[in-house]
Amino acid sequence: MTLRLAGPLVLVGAGKMGGALLEGWLRQGLEPEHVFVRDPSPPPEVAALVKRHGIETARLPEEPAVIVIAVKPQLVEETLAALAPAIGKGTVVLSIAAGRTLASLAKPLPKDTAIVRAMPNTAAAIGRSMTAACANAEVSREQALACGALLEAIGEVIWLDDERLMDAVTAVSGSGPAYVFLLAECLAEAGREAGLDAELANQLARATVSGAGALLAQSDLSAARLRENVTSPKGTTAAALEILMGTGGFKDLLIRAVAAAAKRSRELSS
């Protein structure tokens, strides 16, 4: 399906996540002449993408349909304040800045500005992001559909009615890829400790984690059932899981880790 918007789109911040969004939009058929990018120093690969498609970087369009904010959280307020004059009655602001609430995003903007807050993750780079989004009362159905289409260009999207859930979402799916990468890192280290050379241990860990993830994505079975299916009674997997699932093991550590991430998200929000 070709991506179409009611008017111009402005992307402010073209780093890794902003660049992944831009690549996804272009891949979905969004016409480059309708895209405007504002970033003083984008990564080389994003700069090359912008140049290749002839995307405008020197000016802003009048009353864009969507303004996407993909800058670092500490730059959001000044960025929005600078953009406020360009916001029209039909403009929706879509922010992917971590920890910035709908209320805080609204402060520098004109009254009754339509705002969507979203939290994608790093898998956006390969079109496999898990993104959660919520909207303020000013967002129309058409604007929500437009923002949803933009976010779907990088993966799956869920909409939340309760913004307070965004802290937990951030802790689970926003930060979650780092937990999986750590698992692969630790699994490779454990393999080296068990006698494997570094190259083989890394190869086995990467392939195992990515393969298990692909199986989980494609299977109708729950994660618990998939785990049970690979665990023979009194076998090698069962011996390992006795450690991982014991007191203070993997589950307890992840619960503590997600709680810490959610707490930090609330601190950033305030």
Protein backbone atom coordinates (compact mmCIF):
# COMPACT_ATOMS: atom_id res chain seq x y z
CA MET A 1 0.00 0.00 0.00
CA THR A 2 1.38 3.39 -1.02
CA LEU A 3 1.79 5.89 1.81
CA ARG A 4 -0.19 9.09 1.23
CA LEU A 5 -0.69 12.14 3.47
CA ALA A 6 -3.04 15.12 3.30
CA GLY A 7 -0.10 17.53 3.04
CA PRO A 8 3.65 17.97 3.56
CA LEU A 9 5.59 16.08 6.23
CA VAL A 10 8.42 17.60 8.27
CA LEU A 11 10.96 15.32 9.96
CA VAL A 12 12.93 17.11 12.67
CA GLY A 13 15.90 15.01 13.72
CA ALA A 14 17.34 12.53 11.22
CA GLY A 15 19.50 10.36 13.45
CA LYS A 16 19.24 6.57 13.63
CA MET A 17 15.53 6.46 14.50
CA GLY A 18 14.56 9.43 12.34
CA GLY A 19 16.59 7.98 9.49
CA ALA A 20 14.87 4.60 9.90
CA LEU A 21 11.49 6.33 9.74
CA LEU A 22 12.47 8.25 6.62
CA GLU A 23 13.74 5.12 4.89
CA GLY A 24 10.52 3.29 5.78
CA TRP A 25 8.32 6.10 4.44
CA LEU A 26 10.19 6.24 1.15
CA ARG A 27 10.06 2.46 0.87
CA GLN A 28 6.28 2.67 1.33
CA GLY A 29 6.02 5.12 -1.56
CA LEU A 30 5.80 8.51 0.18
CA GLU A 31 6.73 11.06 -2.46
CA PRO A 32 10.09 12.75 -1.61
CA GLU A 33 8.85 16.18 -2.72
CA HIS A 34 6.34 16.09 0.13
CA VAL A 35 9.07 15.48 2.74
CA PHE A 36 11.13 18.15 4.48
CA VAL A 37 14.03 17.26 6.79
CA ARG A 38 15.54 19.48 9.48
CA ASP A 39 18.80 18.25 11.00
CA PRO A 40 22.10 20.18 11.15
CA SER A 41 24.28 17.05 11.08
CA PRO A 42 22.55 13.82 10.03
CA PRO A 43 24.58 10.58 9.88
CA PRO A 44 26.31 10.03 6.50
CA GLU A 45 23.90 7.29 5.43
CA VAL A 46 20.86 9.50 6.14
CA ALA A 47 22.47 12.49 4.41
CA ALA A 48 23.08 10.27 1.37
CA LEU A 49 19.44 9.09 1.43
CA VAL A 50 18.20 12.69 1.59
CA LYS A 51 20.47 13.75 -1.26
CA ARG A 52 19.59 10.73 -3.41
CA HIS A 53 15.88 11.53 -3.21
CA GLY A 54 16.29 15.30 -3.51
CA ILE A 55 14.57 15.98 -0.19
CA GLU A 56 14.30 19.61 0.91
CA THR A 57 16.42 20.55 3.96
CA ALA A 58 16.63 24.35 3.80
CA ARG A 59 13.06 25.46 4.45
CA LEU A 60 9.75 24.52 6.06
CA PRO A 61 6.45 24.17 4.21
CA GLU A 62 3.41 26.18 5.20
CA GLU A 63 1.06 24.33 7.56
CA PRO A 64 2.45 20.78 7.19
CA ALA A 65 0.11 17.84 7.70
CA VAL A 66 2.53 16.13 10.09
CA ILE A 67 5.60 17.26 12.01
CA VAL A 68 7.62 14.35 13.34
CA ILE A 69 9.86 15.12 16.32
CA ALA A 70 12.80 12.71 16.46
CA VAL A 71 15.34 14.75 18.42
CA LYS A 72 16.90 13.93 21.79
CA PRO A 73 14.49 14.45 24.73
CA GLN A 74 16.46 17.39 26.13
CA LEU A 75 16.07 19.26 22.83
CA VAL A 76 12.32 18.76 22.46
CA GLU A 77 11.07 21.93 24.16
CA GLU A 78 13.27 24.37 22.23
CA THR A 79 12.63 22.46 19.01
CA LEU A 80 8.85 22.67 19.43
CA ALA A 81 9.02 26.34 20.37
CA ALA A 82 10.92 27.08 17.14
CA LEU A 83 8.40 25.09 15.08
CA ALA A 84 5.28 26.57 16.68
CA PRO A 85 4.77 29.28 14.01
CA ALA A 86 4.64 26.62 11.27
CA ILE A 87 1.80 24.68 12.92
CA GLY A 88 -1.57 25.07 11.26
CA LYS A 89 -5.06 23.98 12.26
CA GLY A 90 -4.66 20.71 10.35
CA THR A 91 -1.16 19.89 11.64
CA VAL A 92 -0.50 16.95 13.93
CA VAL A 93 2.76 16.72 15.89
CA LEU A 94 4.10 13.15 16.19
CA SER A 95 6.81 12.82 18.83
CA ILE A 96 9.05 9.80 19.37
CA ALA A 97 11.09 11.49 22.11
CA ALA A 98 11.41 9.23 25.16
CA GLY A 99 9.78 10.41 28.38
CA ARG A 100 8.00 13.42 26.93
CA THR A 101 4.31 13.38 27.88
CA LEU A 102 1.46 14.77 25.81
CA ALA A 103 1.08 17.59 28.35
CA SER A 104 4.76 18.55 28.24
CA LEU A 105 4.78 18.43 24.44
CA ALA A 106 1.77 20.77 24.34
CA LYS A 107 3.34 23.53 26.47
CA PRO A 108 5.42 25.29 23.75
CA LEU A 109 2.80 24.75 21.05
CA PRO A 110 -0.32 26.70 20.05
CA LYS A 111 -3.45 25.89 22.03
CA ASP A 112 -5.39 22.82 20.85
CA THR A 113 -2.50 21.41 18.79
CA ALA A 114 -3.08 17.76 17.84
CA ILE A 115 -0.28 15.63 19.35
CA VAL A 116 0.63 11.95 19.15
CA ARG A 117 3.26 10.45 21.43
CA ALA A 118 4.95 7.25 20.23
CA MET A 119 7.68 4.90 21.41
CA PRO A 120 9.32 2.78 18.68
CA ASN A 121 12.42 0.65 19.17
CA THR A 122 15.69 0.04 17.40
CA ALA A 123 14.27 -2.77 15.23
CA ALA A 124 12.81 0.08 13.17
CA ALA A 125 16.10 -0.12 11.26
CA ILE A 126 14.91 -3.38 9.64
CA GLY A 127 11.18 -2.59 9.60
CA ARG A 128 10.46 -4.72 12.68
CA SER A 129 9.81 -2.10 15.35
CA MET A 130 7.21 -2.57 18.06
CA THR A 131 5.71 0.89 18.53
CA ALA A 132 3.16 2.04 21.10
CA ALA A 133 1.31 5.32 20.57
CA CYS A 134 -1.23 7.52 22.32
CA ALA A 135 -2.96 10.73 21.29
CA ASN A 136 -4.42 13.81 22.91
CA ALA A 137 -8.07 14.77 22.51
CA GLU A 138 -7.34 17.15 19.62
CA VAL A 139 -6.18 14.37 17.27
CA SER A 140 -8.81 13.57 14.64
CA ARG A 141 -9.47 10.10 13.26
CA GLU A 142 -7.76 11.07 10.00
CA GLN A 143 -4.70 12.36 11.84
CA ALA A 144 -4.48 9.20 13.92
CA LEU A 145 -4.69 7.11 10.76
CA ALA A 146 -1.93 9.19 9.15
CA CYS A 147 0.36 8.81 12.18
CA GLY A 148 -0.45 5.10 12.34
CA ALA A 149 0.51 4.68 8.68
CA LEU A 150 3.81 6.52 9.24
CA LEU A 151 4.66 4.30 12.21
CA GLU A 152 3.57 1.11 10.44
CA ALA A 153 6.24 1.84 7.83
CA ILE A 154 8.80 0.67 10.43
CA GLY A 155 6.86 -2.21 12.00
CA GLU A 156 3.89 -3.05 14.20
CA VAL A 157 1.85 -0.38 16.04
CA ILE A 158 -0.46 -0.54 19.05
CA TRP A 159 -2.55 2.36 20.36
CA LEU A 160 -2.98 2.99 24.08
CA ASP A 161 -5.96 4.71 25.66
CA ASP A 162 -4.04 5.33 28.91
CA GLU A 163 -0.86 7.37 28.50
CA ARG A 164 0.33 6.22 31.93
CA LEU A 165 1.12 2.83 30.37
CA MET A 166 3.82 4.41 28.19
CA ASP A 167 6.43 4.14 30.97
CA ALA A 168 5.95 0.38 31.16
CA VAL A 169 5.85 0.11 27.37
CA THR A 170 9.13 2.02 27.17
CA ALA A 171 10.69 -0.35 29.69
CA VAL A 172 9.50 -3.50 27.88
CA SER A 173 9.64 -2.79 24.15
CA GLY A 174 11.50 0.52 23.89
CA SER A 175 14.47 -0.70 25.90
CA GLY A 176 13.78 -4.39 25.32
CA PRO A 177 16.12 -4.95 22.34
CA ALA A 178 19.07 -4.07 24.59
CA TYR A 179 18.06 -6.87 26.96
CA VAL A 180 18.04 -9.34 24.06
CA PHE A 181 21.42 -8.13 22.82
CA LEU A 182 22.76 -8.58 26.35
CA LEU A 183 21.39 -12.13 26.35
CA ALA A 184 23.32 -12.90 23.15
CA GLU A 185 26.43 -11.25 24.60
CA CYS A 186 26.23 -13.26 27.83
CA LEU A 187 25.41 -16.49 26.00
CA ALA A 188 28.54 -16.08 23.88
CA GLU A 189 30.61 -15.38 27.00
CA ALA A 190 29.18 -18.48 28.69
CA GLY A 191 30.13 -20.50 25.61
CA ARG A 192 33.71 -19.25 25.85
CA GLU A 193 33.79 -20.19 29.52
CA ALA A 194 32.60 -23.68 28.52
CA GLY A 195 35.56 -24.08 26.14
CA LEU A 196 34.44 -22.69 22.78
CA ASP A 197 36.65 -20.28 20.88
CA ALA A 198 35.36 -16.71 20.68
CA GLU A 199 34.33 -16.78 17.01
CA LEU A 200 32.34 -19.99 17.33
CA ALA A 201 30.71 -18.90 20.58
CA ASN A 202 29.61 -15.60 19.01
CA GLN A 203 28.28 -17.36 15.91
CA LEU A 204 26.28 -19.84 17.95
CA ALA A 205 24.86 -17.18 20.28
CA ARG A 206 23.79 -14.80 17.49
CA ALA A 207 22.18 -17.54 15.40
CA THR A 208 20.43 -19.05 18.42
CA VAL A 209 18.94 -15.79 19.67
CA SER A 210 17.88 -14.57 16.22
CA GLY A 211 16.48 -18.00 15.27
CA ALA A 212 14.50 -18.30 18.49
CA GLY A 213 13.14 -14.79 17.95
CA ALA A 214 12.05 -15.64 14.42
CA LEU A 215 10.36 -18.83 15.65
CA LEU A 216 8.54 -16.88 18.37
CA ALA A 217 7.36 -14.32 15.82
CA GLN A 218 6.04 -16.93 13.40
CA SER A 219 4.54 -19.39 15.87
CA ASP A 220 1.00 -19.30 17.25
CA LEU A 221 2.28 -20.88 20.46
CA SER A 222 3.06 -18.86 23.57
CA ALA A 223 6.63 -18.28 24.67
CA ALA A 224 6.01 -20.57 27.63
CA ARG A 225 4.79 -23.40 25.38
CA LEU A 226 7.75 -23.01 23.03
CA ARG A 227 10.08 -23.21 26.03
CA GLU A 228 8.34 -26.35 27.28
CA ASN A 229 8.56 -27.94 23.82
CA VAL A 230 12.35 -27.68 23.77
CA THR A 231 12.77 -28.90 27.38
CA SER A 232 13.07 -32.65 27.86
CA PRO A 233 12.56 -33.92 31.43
CA LYS A 234 15.91 -34.23 33.20
CA GLY A 235 17.72 -33.18 30.02
CA THR A 236 20.38 -30.54 29.36
CA THR A 237 17.88 -27.70 28.83
CA ALA A 238 16.06 -28.61 32.02
CA ALA A 239 19.35 -28.45 33.94
CA ALA A 240 20.03 -24.95 32.61
CA LEU A 241 16.48 -23.72 33.23
CA GLU A 242 16.65 -24.90 36.82
CA ILE A 243 19.30 -22.22 37.30
CA LEU A 244 17.69 -19.53 35.14
CA MET A 245 14.22 -19.97 36.63
CA GLY A 246 15.35 -20.33 40.23
CA THR A 247 15.14 -17.65 42.93
CA GLY A 248 17.04 -14.56 41.84
CA GLY A 249 17.28 -15.94 38.31
CA PHE A 250 16.34 -14.61 34.89
CA LYS A 251 12.70 -13.80 35.67
CA ASP A 252 13.48 -11.93 38.88
CA LEU A 253 16.27 -9.97 37.18
CA LEU A 254 14.05 -8.93 34.27
CA ILE A 255 11.25 -7.83 36.59
CA ARG A 256 13.73 -5.63 38.46
CA ALA A 257 15.26 -4.35 35.21
CA VAL A 258 11.91 -3.39 33.68
CA ALA A 259 10.84 -1.73 36.95
CA ALA A 260 14.05 0.32 36.93
CA ALA A 261 13.55 1.37 33.30
CA ALA A 262 9.90 2.33 33.94
CA LYS A 263 10.94 4.36 36.98
CA ARG A 264 13.54 6.21 34.91
CA SER A 265 10.93 6.89 32.22
CA ARG A 266 8.65 8.46 34.84
CA GLU A 267 11.55 10.57 36.09
CA LEU A 268 12.22 11.82 32.54
CA SER A 269 8.53 12.62 32.14
CA SER A 270 8.57 14.87 35.15
